[in-house]
Amino acid sequence: MSLSPVALAARRTLAAASHSSHEGGARSWKILTIVLAFPGVGVCMANAFMKGQEHHAQPEFVPYSHLRIRTKRFPWGDGNHTLFHNSHANALPGGYEGSDH
């Protein structure tokens, strides 16, 4: 399998670049981490904090017949609440708890 002269030159260049000093590579990654990664994580944290502060209203309850089917009672509590029930986010078959939806 013979390679063209251009392919051989590219292969030599890439092979030489892989054996260069490791200090330059480590320094590049350190600079990239400080300049890009830390500010990126900070922006993502700020975005998550701001989104967490927004107040979301409960969606209107629509009693679809194919949702919240209870063929058997749950073995805990009153038998109608799921194990990780959240009264603000999860509706029961009759609607949300403590609301007039």
PDB file of N, CA and C in Angstrom:
ATOM      1  N   MET A   1       0.842  -1.158   0.000  1.00  0.00           N
ATOM      2  CA  MET A   1       0.000   0.000   0.000  1.00  0.00           C
ATOM      3  C   MET A   1       0.892   1.226   0.000  1.00  0.00           C
ATOM      4  N   SER A   2       0.937   1.915  -1.106  1.00  0.00           N
ATOM      5  CA  SER A   2       1.776   3.104  -1.199  1.00  0.00           C
ATOM      6  C   SER A   2       0.915   4.352  -1.054  1.00  0.00           C
ATOM      7  N   LEU A   3       1.482   5.337  -0.384  1.00  0.00           N
ATOM      8  CA  LEU A   3       0.786   6.596  -0.171  1.00  0.00           C
ATOM      9  C   LEU A   3       1.357   7.665  -1.088  1.00  0.00           C
ATOM     10  N   SER A   4       0.533   8.614  -1.412  1.00  0.00           N
ATOM     11  CA  SER A   4       1.010   9.715  -2.252  1.00  0.00           C
ATOM     12  C   SER A   4       1.984  10.578  -1.447  1.00  0.00           C
ATOM     13  N   PRO A   5       2.845  11.368  -2.118  1.00  0.00           N
ATOM     14  CA  PRO A   5       3.797  12.218  -1.401  1.00  0.00           C
ATOM     15  C   PRO A   5       3.107  13.209  -0.461  1.00  0.00           C
ATOM     16  N   VAL A   6       1.926  13.700  -0.840  1.00  0.00           N
ATOM     17  CA  VAL A   6       1.194  14.640   0.032  1.00  0.00           C
ATOM     18  C   VAL A   6       0.733  13.939   1.301  1.00  0.00           C
ATOM     19  N   ALA A   7       0.231  12.714   1.161  1.00  0.00           N
ATOM     20  CA  ALA A   7      -0.233  11.959   2.310  1.00  0.00           C
ATOM     21  C   ALA A   7       0.934  11.613   3.229  1.00  0.00           C
ATOM     22  N   LEU A   8       2.106  11.270   2.648  1.00  0.00           N
ATOM     23  CA  LEU A   8       3.279  10.980   3.475  1.00  0.00           C
ATOM     24  C   LEU A   8       3.731  12.210   4.253  1.00  0.00           C
ATOM     25  N   ALA A   9       3.707  13.376   3.604  1.00  0.00           N
ATOM     26  CA  ALA A   9       4.107  14.608   4.276  1.00  0.00           C
ATOM     27  C   ALA A   9       3.154  14.927   5.425  1.00  0.00           C
ATOM     28  N   ALA A  10       1.854  14.759   5.200  1.00  0.00           N
ATOM     29  CA  ALA A  10       0.866  15.015   6.249  1.00  0.00           C
ATOM     30  C   ALA A  10       1.046  14.035   7.396  1.00  0.00           C
ATOM     31  N   ARG A  11       1.349  12.796   7.045  1.00  0.00           N
ATOM     32  CA  ARG A  11       1.549  11.775   8.070  1.00  0.00           C
ATOM     33  C   ARG A  11       2.770  12.103   8.928  1.00  0.00           C
ATOM     34  N   ARG A  12       3.853  12.542   8.289  1.00  0.00           N
ATOM     35  CA  ARG A  12       5.059  12.916   9.036  1.00  0.00           C
ATOM     36  C   ARG A  12       4.791  14.109   9.942  1.00  0.00           C
ATOM     37  N   THR A  13       4.044  15.089   9.436  1.00  0.00           N
ATOM     38  CA  THR A  13       3.755  16.286  10.228  1.00  0.00           C
ATOM     39  C   THR A  13       2.918  15.931  11.449  1.00  0.00           C
ATOM     40  N   LEU A  14       1.898  15.116  11.249  1.00  0.00           N
ATOM     41  CA  LEU A  14       1.049  14.734  12.367  1.00  0.00           C
ATOM     42  C   LEU A  14       1.805  13.869  13.370  1.00  0.00           C
ATOM     43  N   ALA A  15       2.672  13.000  12.874  1.00  0.00           N
ATOM     44  CA  ALA A  15       3.458  12.159  13.772  1.00  0.00           C
ATOM     45  C   ALA A  15       4.436  13.000  14.581  1.00  0.00           C
ATOM     46  N   ALA A  16       5.021  14.007  13.960  1.00  0.00           N
ATOM     47  CA  ALA A  16       5.952  14.871  14.674  1.00  0.00           C
ATOM     48  C   ALA A  16       5.218  15.706  15.712  1.00  0.00           C
ATOM     49  N   ALA A  17       4.006  16.118  15.407  1.00  0.00           N
ATOM     50  CA  ALA A  17       3.247  16.941  16.343  1.00  0.00           C
ATOM     51  C   ALA A  17       2.850  16.135  17.577  1.00  0.00           C
ATOM     52  N   SER A  18       2.649  14.836  17.415  1.00  0.00           N
ATOM     53  CA  SER A  18       2.248  14.024  18.555  1.00  0.00           C
ATOM     54  C   SER A  18       3.400  13.805  19.534  1.00  0.00           C
ATOM     55  N   HIS A  19       4.624  13.953  19.086  1.00  0.00           N
ATOM     56  CA  HIS A  19       5.770  13.736  19.960  1.00  0.00           C
ATOM     57  C   HIS A  19       6.349  15.039  20.482  1.00  0.00           C
ATOM     58  N   SER A  20       5.599  16.109  20.393  1.00  0.00           N
ATOM     59  CA  SER A  20       6.109  17.389  20.887  1.00  0.00           C
ATOM     60  C   SER A  20       6.076  17.407  22.411  1.00  0.00           C
ATOM     61  N   SER A  21       6.590  18.453  22.953  1.00  0.00           N
ATOM     62  CA  SER A  21       6.686  18.609  24.403  1.00  0.00           C
ATOM     63  C   SER A  21       5.299  18.574  25.037  1.00  0.00           C
ATOM     64  N   HIS A  22       5.174  17.898  26.157  1.00  0.00           N
ATOM     65  CA  HIS A  22       3.891  17.792  26.848  1.00  0.00           C
ATOM     66  C   HIS A  22       3.574  19.052  27.644  1.00  0.00           C
ATOM     67  N   GLU A  23       4.542  19.873  27.915  1.00  0.00           N
ATOM     68  CA  GLU A  23       4.292  21.092  28.694  1.00  0.00           C
ATOM     69  C   GLU A  23       3.397  22.049  27.930  1.00  0.00           C
ATOM     70  N   GLY A  24       3.585  22.173  26.648  1.00  0.00           N
ATOM     71  CA  GLY A  24       2.746  23.068  25.845  1.00  0.00           C
ATOM     72  C   GLY A  24       1.297  22.617  25.837  1.00  0.00           C
ATOM     73  N   GLY A  25       1.073  21.328  25.770  1.00  0.00           N
ATOM     74  CA  GLY A  25      -0.293  20.794  25.778  1.00  0.00           C
ATOM     75  C   GLY A  25      -0.971  21.001  27.113  1.00  0.00           C
ATOM     76  N   ALA A  26      -0.248  20.754  28.198  1.00  0.00           N
ATOM     77  CA  ALA A  26      -0.815  20.947  29.528  1.00  0.00           C
ATOM     78  C   ALA A  26      -1.129  22.416  29.770  1.00  0.00           C
ATOM     79  N   ARG A  27      -0.253  23.280  29.303  1.00  0.00           N
ATOM     80  CA  ARG A  27      -0.484  24.724  29.479  1.00  0.00           C
ATOM     81  C   ARG A  27      -1.710  25.166  28.683  1.00  0.00           C
ATOM     82  N   SER A  28      -1.886  24.626  27.474  1.00  0.00           N
ATOM     83  CA  SER A  28      -3.055  24.948  26.650  1.00  0.00           C
ATOM     84  C   SER A  28      -4.342  24.524  27.345  1.00  0.00           C
ATOM     85  N   TRP A  29      -4.344  23.303  27.897  1.00  0.00           N
ATOM     86  CA  TRP A  29      -5.536  22.827  28.581  1.00  0.00           C
ATOM     87  C   TRP A  29      -5.815  23.625  29.837  1.00  0.00           C
ATOM     88  N   LYS A  30      -4.776  24.045  30.537  1.00  0.00           N
ATOM     89  CA  LYS A  30      -4.965  24.860  31.741  1.00  0.00           C
ATOM     90  C   LYS A  30      -5.600  26.196  31.378  1.00  0.00           C
ATOM     91  N   ILE A  31      -5.106  26.819  30.317  1.00  0.00           N
ATOM     92  CA  ILE A  31      -5.660  28.105  29.875  1.00  0.00           C
ATOM     93  C   ILE A  31      -7.104  27.927  29.418  1.00  0.00           C
ATOM     94  N   LEU A  32      -7.389  26.866  28.651  1.00  0.00           N
ATOM     95  CA  LEU A  32      -8.752  26.606  28.198  1.00  0.00           C
ATOM     96  C   LEU A  32      -9.699  26.369  29.371  1.00  0.00           C
ATOM     97  N   THR A  33      -9.214  25.664  30.383  1.00  0.00           N
ATOM     98  CA  THR A  33     -10.041  25.415  31.558  1.00  0.00           C
ATOM     99  C   THR A  33     -10.387  26.711  32.270  1.00  0.00           C
ATOM    100  N   ILE A  34      -9.379  27.555  32.469  1.00  0.00           N
ATOM    101  CA  ILE A  34      -9.603  28.810  33.190  1.00  0.00           C
ATOM    102  C   ILE A  34     -10.445  29.779  32.377  1.00  0.00           C
ATOM    103  N   VAL A  35     -10.181  29.883  31.083  1.00  0.00           N
ATOM    104  CA  VAL A  35     -10.852  30.880  30.244  1.00  0.00           C
ATOM    105  C   VAL A  35     -12.236  30.422  29.784  1.00  0.00           C
ATOM    106  N   LEU A  36     -12.432  29.121  29.506  1.00  0.00           N
ATOM    107  CA  LEU A  36     -13.704  28.651  28.964  1.00  0.00           C
ATOM    108  C   LEU A  36     -14.536  27.823  29.944  1.00  0.00           C
ATOM    109  N   ALA A  37     -13.931  26.865  30.598  1.00  0.00           N
ATOM    110  CA  ALA A  37     -14.703  25.922  31.407  1.00  0.00           C
ATOM    111  C   ALA A  37     -15.276  26.579  32.662  1.00  0.00           C
ATOM    112  N   PHE A  38     -14.476  27.268  33.430  1.00  0.00           N
ATOM    113  CA  PHE A  38     -14.975  27.886  34.660  1.00  0.00           C
ATOM    114  C   PHE A  38     -16.051  28.931  34.385  1.00  0.00           C
ATOM    115  N   PRO A  39     -15.851  29.859  33.442  1.00  0.00           N
ATOM    116  CA  PRO A  39     -16.949  30.790  33.145  1.00  0.00           C
ATOM    117  C   PRO A  39     -18.186  30.081  32.587  1.00  0.00           C
ATOM    118  N   GLY A  40     -18.002  29.031  31.798  1.00  0.00           N
ATOM    119  CA  GLY A  40     -19.143  28.285  31.268  1.00  0.00           C
ATOM    120  C   GLY A  40     -19.962  27.635  32.373  1.00  0.00           C
ATOM    121  N   VAL A  41     -19.286  27.045  33.345  1.00  0.00           N
ATOM    122  CA  VAL A  41     -19.979  26.448  34.488  1.00  0.00           C
ATOM    123  C   VAL A  41     -20.692  27.536  35.283  1.00  0.00           C
ATOM    124  N   GLY A  42     -20.042  28.683  35.447  1.00  0.00           N
ATOM    125  CA  GLY A  42     -20.673  29.793  36.165  1.00  0.00           C
ATOM    126  C   GLY A  42     -21.930  30.293  35.475  1.00  0.00           C
ATOM    127  N   VAL A  43     -21.895  30.416  34.153  1.00  0.00           N
ATOM    128  CA  VAL A  43     -23.075  30.860  33.404  1.00  0.00           C
ATOM    129  C   VAL A  43     -24.196  29.833  33.525  1.00  0.00           C
ATOM    130  N   CYS A  44     -23.869  28.553  33.450  1.00  0.00           N
ATOM    131  CA  CYS A  44     -24.883  27.510  33.594  1.00  0.00           C
ATOM    132  C   CYS A  44     -25.502  27.520  34.988  1.00  0.00           C
ATOM    133  N   MET A  45     -24.684  27.744  36.021  1.00  0.00           N
ATOM    134  CA  MET A  45     -25.205  27.823  37.384  1.00  0.00           C
ATOM    135  C   MET A  45     -26.129  29.027  37.547  1.00  0.00           C
ATOM    136  N   ALA A  46     -25.745  30.175  36.987  1.00  0.00           N
ATOM    137  CA  ALA A  46     -26.578  31.370  37.069  1.00  0.00           C
ATOM    138  C   ALA A  46     -27.902  31.146  36.342  1.00  0.00           C
ATOM    139  N   ASN A  47     -27.863  30.516  35.191  1.00  0.00           N
ATOM    140  CA  ASN A  47     -29.079  30.226  34.436  1.00  0.00           C
ATOM    141  C   ASN A  47     -30.005  29.302  35.225  1.00  0.00           C
ATOM    142  N   ALA A  48     -29.459  28.259  35.823  1.00  0.00           N
ATOM    143  CA  ALA A  48     -30.270  27.334  36.613  1.00  0.00           C
ATOM    144  C   ALA A  48     -30.878  28.041  37.816  1.00  0.00           C
ATOM    145  N   PHE A  49     -30.118  28.933  38.454  1.00  0.00           N
ATOM    146  CA  PHE A  49     -30.626  29.674  39.607  1.00  0.00           C
ATOM    147  C   PHE A  49     -31.772  30.585  39.195  1.00  0.00           C
ATOM    148  N   MET A  50     -31.608  31.296  38.067  1.00  0.00           N
ATOM    149  CA  MET A  50     -32.654  32.212  37.598  1.00  0.00           C
ATOM    150  C   MET A  50     -33.918  31.451  37.197  1.00  0.00           C
ATOM    151  N   LYS A  51     -33.759  30.310  36.532  1.00  0.00           N
ATOM    152  CA  LYS A  51     -34.920  29.510  36.138  1.00  0.00           C
ATOM    153  C   LYS A  51     -35.614  28.933  37.359  1.00  0.00           C
ATOM    154  N   GLY A  52     -34.872  28.635  38.404  1.00  0.00           N
ATOM    155  CA  GLY A  52     -35.452  28.106  39.621  1.00  0.00           C
ATOM    156  C   GLY A  52     -36.258  29.134  40.385  1.00  0.00           C
ATOM    157  N   GLN A  53     -36.004  30.410  40.178  1.00  0.00           N
ATOM    158  CA  GLN A  53     -36.708  31.477  40.872  1.00  0.00           C
ATOM    159  C   GLN A  53     -38.065  31.796  40.248  1.00  0.00           C
ATOM    160  N   GLU A  54     -38.288  31.390  38.992  1.00  0.00           N
ATOM    161  CA  GLU A  54     -39.552  31.679  38.326  1.00  0.00           C
ATOM    162  C   GLU A  54     -40.680  30.884  38.964  1.00  0.00           C
ATOM    163  N   HIS A  55     -41.834  31.505  39.073  1.00  0.00           N
ATOM    164  CA  HIS A  55     -43.003  30.832  39.638  1.00  0.00           C
ATOM    165  C   HIS A  55     -43.851  30.280  38.498  1.00  0.00           C
ATOM    166  N   HIS A  56     -44.112  28.992  38.555  1.00  0.00           N
ATOM    167  CA  HIS A  56     -44.912  28.343  37.524  1.00  0.00           C
ATOM    168  C   HIS A  56     -46.284  28.017  38.103  1.00  0.00           C
ATOM    169  N   ALA A  57     -47.334  28.427  37.416  1.00  0.00           N
ATOM    170  CA  ALA A  57     -48.693  28.118  37.834  1.00  0.00           C
ATOM    171  C   ALA A  57     -49.025  26.673  37.474  1.00  0.00           C
ATOM    172  N   GLN A  58     -49.936  26.103  38.220  1.00  0.00           N
ATOM    173  CA  GLN A  58     -50.363  24.743  37.917  1.00  0.00           C
ATOM    174  C   GLN A  58     -51.109  24.724  36.600  1.00  0.00           C
ATOM    175  N   PRO A  59     -50.871  23.720  35.788  1.00  0.00           N
ATOM    176  CA  PRO A  59     -51.657  23.620  34.560  1.00  0.00           C
ATOM    177  C   PRO A  59     -53.109  23.290  34.896  1.00  0.00           C
ATOM    178  N   GLU A  60     -53.991  23.662  34.020  1.00  0.00           N
ATOM    179  CA  GLU A  60     -55.412  23.388  34.249  1.00  0.00           C
ATOM    180  C   GLU A  60     -55.640  21.881  34.254  1.00  0.00           C
ATOM    181  N   PHE A  61     -56.450  21.417  35.193  1.00  0.00           N
ATOM    182  CA  PHE A  61     -56.725  19.983  35.297  1.00  0.00           C
ATOM    183  C   PHE A  61     -57.780  19.593  34.262  1.00  0.00           C
ATOM    184  N   VAL A  62     -57.453  18.601  33.444  1.00  0.00           N
ATOM    185  CA  VAL A  62     -58.389  18.039  32.476  1.00  0.00           C
ATOM    186  C   VAL A  62     -58.502  16.555  32.799  1.00  0.00           C
ATOM    187  N   PRO A  63     -59.666  16.080  33.155  1.00  0.00           N
ATOM    188  CA  PRO A  63     -59.808  14.669  33.572  1.00  0.00           C
ATOM    189  C   PRO A  63     -59.873  13.705  32.388  1.00  0.00           C
ATOM    190  N   TYR A  64     -58.743  13.495  31.742  1.00  0.00           N
ATOM    191  CA  TYR A  64     -58.687  12.532  30.647  1.00  0.00           C
ATOM    192  C   TYR A  64     -58.900  11.129  31.204  1.00  0.00           C
ATOM    193  N   SER A  65     -59.644  10.316  30.477  1.00  0.00           N
ATOM    194  CA  SER A  65     -59.981   8.977  30.985  1.00  0.00           C
ATOM    195  C   SER A  65     -58.787   8.019  30.959  1.00  0.00           C
ATOM    196  N   HIS A  66     -57.789   8.285  30.135  1.00  0.00           N
ATOM    197  CA  HIS A  66     -56.650   7.362  30.019  1.00  0.00           C
ATOM    198  C   HIS A  66     -55.510   7.700  30.978  1.00  0.00           C
ATOM    199  N   LEU A  67     -55.629   8.775  31.749  1.00  0.00           N
ATOM    200  CA  LEU A  67     -54.590   9.149  32.710  1.00  0.00           C
ATOM    201  C   LEU A  67     -55.049   8.861  34.134  1.00  0.00           C
ATOM    202  N   ARG A  68     -54.098   8.650  35.024  1.00  0.00           N
ATOM    203  CA  ARG A  68     -54.353   8.444  36.449  1.00  0.00           C
ATOM    204  C   ARG A  68     -55.332   7.298  36.705  1.00  0.00           C
ATOM    205  N   ILE A  69     -55.154   6.199  36.011  1.00  0.00           N
ATOM    206  CA  ILE A  69     -56.014   5.027  36.192  1.00  0.00           C
ATOM    207  C   ILE A  69     -55.538   4.279  37.436  1.00  0.00           C
ATOM    208  N   ARG A  70     -56.452   3.986  38.346  1.00  0.00           N
ATOM    209  CA  ARG A  70     -56.125   3.247  39.561  1.00  0.00           C
ATOM    210  C   ARG A  70     -56.891   1.916  39.526  1.00  0.00           C
ATOM    211  N   THR A  71     -56.229   0.845  39.125  1.00  0.00           N
ATOM    212  CA  THR A  71     -56.875  -0.466  39.137  1.00  0.00           C
ATOM    213  C   THR A  71     -56.699  -1.148  40.488  1.00  0.00           C
ATOM    214  N   LYS A  72     -55.729  -0.682  41.246  1.00  0.00           N
ATOM    215  CA  LYS A  72     -55.416  -1.277  42.537  1.00  0.00           C
ATOM    216  C   LYS A  72     -54.868  -0.171  43.430  1.00  0.00           C
ATOM    217  N   ARG A  73     -55.192  -0.170  44.698  1.00  0.00           N
ATOM    218  CA  ARG A  73     -54.717   0.875  45.621  1.00  0.00           C
ATOM    219  C   ARG A  73     -53.219   0.715  45.870  1.00  0.00           C
ATOM    220  N   PHE A  74     -52.525   1.839  46.085  1.00  0.00           N
ATOM    221  CA  PHE A  74     -51.109   1.779  46.435  1.00  0.00           C
ATOM    222  C   PHE A  74     -50.967   1.219  47.847  1.00  0.00           C
ATOM    223  N   PRO A  75     -49.912   0.461  48.135  1.00  0.00           N
ATOM    224  CA  PRO A  75     -49.775  -0.174  49.449  1.00  0.00           C
ATOM    225  C   PRO A  75     -49.300   0.761  50.566  1.00  0.00           C
ATOM    226  N   TRP A  76     -49.269   2.045  50.359  1.00  0.00           N
ATOM    227  CA  TRP A  76     -48.834   2.989  51.390  1.00  0.00           C
ATOM    228  C   TRP A  76     -49.835   4.134  51.478  1.00  0.00           C
ATOM    229  N   GLY A  77     -49.816   4.814  52.590  1.00  0.00           N
ATOM    230  CA  GLY A  77     -50.676   5.980  52.772  1.00  0.00           C
ATOM    231  C   GLY A  77     -52.149   5.649  52.608  1.00  0.00           C
ATOM    232  N   ASP A  78     -52.866   6.540  51.943  1.00  0.00           N
ATOM    233  CA  ASP A  78     -54.302   6.329  51.737  1.00  0.00           C
ATOM    234  C   ASP A  78     -54.592   5.485  50.501  1.00  0.00           C
ATOM    235  N   GLY A  79     -53.553   5.074  49.772  1.00  0.00           N
ATOM    236  CA  GLY A  79     -53.720   4.217  48.608  1.00  0.00           C
ATOM    237  C   GLY A  79     -53.975   4.972  47.312  1.00  0.00           C
ATOM    238  N   ASN A  80     -54.101   6.287  47.384  1.00  0.00           N
ATOM    239  CA  ASN A  80     -54.387   7.076  46.193  1.00  0.00           C
ATOM    240  C   ASN A  80     -53.190   7.907  45.748  1.00  0.00           C
ATOM    241  N   HIS A  81     -52.239   8.147  46.645  1.00  0.00           N
ATOM    242  CA  HIS A  81     -51.053   8.956  46.332  1.00  0.00           C
ATOM    243  C   HIS A  81     -49.899   8.039  45.919  1.00  0.00           C
ATOM    244  N   THR A  82     -49.158   8.450  44.879  1.00  0.00           N
ATOM    245  CA  THR A  82     -47.990   7.675  44.471  1.00  0.00           C
ATOM    246  C   THR A  82     -46.910   7.814  45.547  1.00  0.00           C
ATOM    247  N   LEU A  83     -45.844   7.029  45.431  1.00  0.00           N
ATOM    248  CA  LEU A  83     -44.799   7.049  46.456  1.00  0.00           C
ATOM    249  C   LEU A  83     -44.114   8.403  46.537  1.00  0.00           C
ATOM    250  N   PHE A  84     -43.852   9.038  45.417  1.00  0.00           N
ATOM    251  CA  PHE A  84     -43.196  10.340  45.391  1.00  0.00           C
ATOM    252  C   PHE A  84     -44.193  11.419  44.980  1.00  0.00           C
ATOM    253  N   HIS A  85     -45.346  11.454  45.610  1.00  0.00           N
ATOM    254  CA  HIS A  85     -46.412  12.389  45.260  1.00  0.00           C
ATOM    255  C   HIS A  85     -46.031  13.813  45.662  1.00  0.00           C
ATOM    256  N   ASN A  86     -46.300  14.754  44.777  1.00  0.00           N
ATOM    257  CA  ASN A  86     -46.080  16.173  45.034  1.00  0.00           C
ATOM    258  C   ASN A  86     -47.417  16.855  44.797  1.00  0.00           C
ATOM    259  N   SER A  87     -48.004  17.419  45.849  1.00  0.00           N
ATOM    260  CA  SER A  87     -49.351  17.976  45.735  1.00  0.00           C
ATOM    261  C   SER A  87     -49.417  19.184  44.810  1.00  0.00           C
ATOM    262  N   HIS A  88     -48.284  19.834  44.559  1.00  0.00           N
ATOM    263  CA  HIS A  88     -48.284  21.000  43.674  1.00  0.00           C
ATOM    264  C   HIS A  88     -48.138  20.619  42.202  1.00  0.00           C
ATOM    265  N   ALA A  89     -47.541  19.463  41.917  1.00  0.00           N
ATOM    266  CA  ALA A  89     -47.257  19.090  40.533  1.00  0.00           C
ATOM    267  C   ALA A  89     -48.055  17.892  40.050  1.00  0.00           C
ATOM    268  N   ASN A  90     -48.447  16.996  40.955  1.00  0.00           N
ATOM    269  CA  ASN A  90     -49.118  15.767  40.549  1.00  0.00           C
ATOM    270  C   ASN A  90     -50.595  15.826  40.907  1.00  0.00           C
ATOM    271  N   ALA A  91     -51.442  15.583  39.934  1.00  0.00           N
ATOM    272  CA  ALA A  91     -52.880  15.575  40.177  1.00  0.00           C
ATOM    273  C   ALA A  91     -53.336  14.176  40.559  1.00  0.00           C
ATOM    274  N   LEU A  92     -54.389  14.115  41.342  1.00  0.00           N
ATOM    275  CA  LEU A  92     -55.053  12.863  41.660  1.00  0.00           C
ATOM    276  C   LEU A  92     -56.153  12.646  40.622  1.00  0.00           C
ATOM    277  N   PRO A  93     -56.817  11.497  40.621  1.00  0.00           N
ATOM    278  CA  PRO A  93     -57.884  11.278  39.628  1.00  0.00           C
ATOM    279  C   PRO A  93     -58.983  12.341  39.666  1.00  0.00           C
ATOM    280  N   GLY A  94     -59.198  12.960  40.812  1.00  0.00           N
ATOM    281  CA  GLY A  94     -60.247  13.975  40.928  1.00  0.00           C
ATOM    282  C   GLY A  94     -59.742  15.395  40.736  1.00  0.00           C
ATOM    283  N   GLY A  95     -58.462  15.615  40.596  1.00  0.00           N
ATOM    284  CA  GLY A  95     -57.916  16.955  40.420  1.00  0.00           C
ATOM    285  C   GLY A  95     -56.760  17.196  41.378  1.00  0.00           C
ATOM    286  N   TYR A  96     -56.299  18.450  41.416  1.00  0.00           N
ATOM    287  CA  TYR A  96     -55.196  18.817  42.295  1.00  0.00           C
ATOM    288  C   TYR A  96     -55.705  18.905  43.730  1.00  0.00           C
ATOM    289  N   GLU A  97     -54.825  18.659  44.680  1.00  0.00           N
ATOM    290  CA  GLU A  97     -55.193  18.770  46.078  1.00  0.00           C
ATOM    291  C   GLU A  97     -55.243  20.230  46.502  1.00  0.00           C
ATOM    292  N   GLY A  98     -56.242  20.591  47.252  1.00  0.00           N
ATOM    293  CA  GLY A  98     -56.317  21.928  47.833  1.00  0.00           C
ATOM    294  C   GLY A  98     -56.474  23.051  46.823  1.00  0.00           C
ATOM    295  N   SER A  99     -57.005  22.766  45.646  1.00  0.00           N
ATOM    296  CA  SER A  99     -57.225  23.829  44.660  1.00  0.00           C
ATOM    297  C   SER A  99     -58.616  23.662  44.086  1.00  0.00           C
ATOM    298  N   ASP A 100     -59.085  24.690  43.434  1.00  0.00           N
ATOM    299  CA  ASP A 100     -60.434  24.630  42.868  1.00  0.00           C
ATOM    300  C   ASP A 100     -60.394  24.461  41.359  1.00  0.00           C
ATOM    301  N   HIS A 101     -59.428  23.718  40.833  1.00  0.00           N
ATOM    302  CA  HIS A 101     -59.351  23.448  39.383  1.00  0.00           C
ATOM    303  C   HIS A 101     -60.361  22.425  38.999  1.00  0.00           C
TER     304      HIS A 101
END
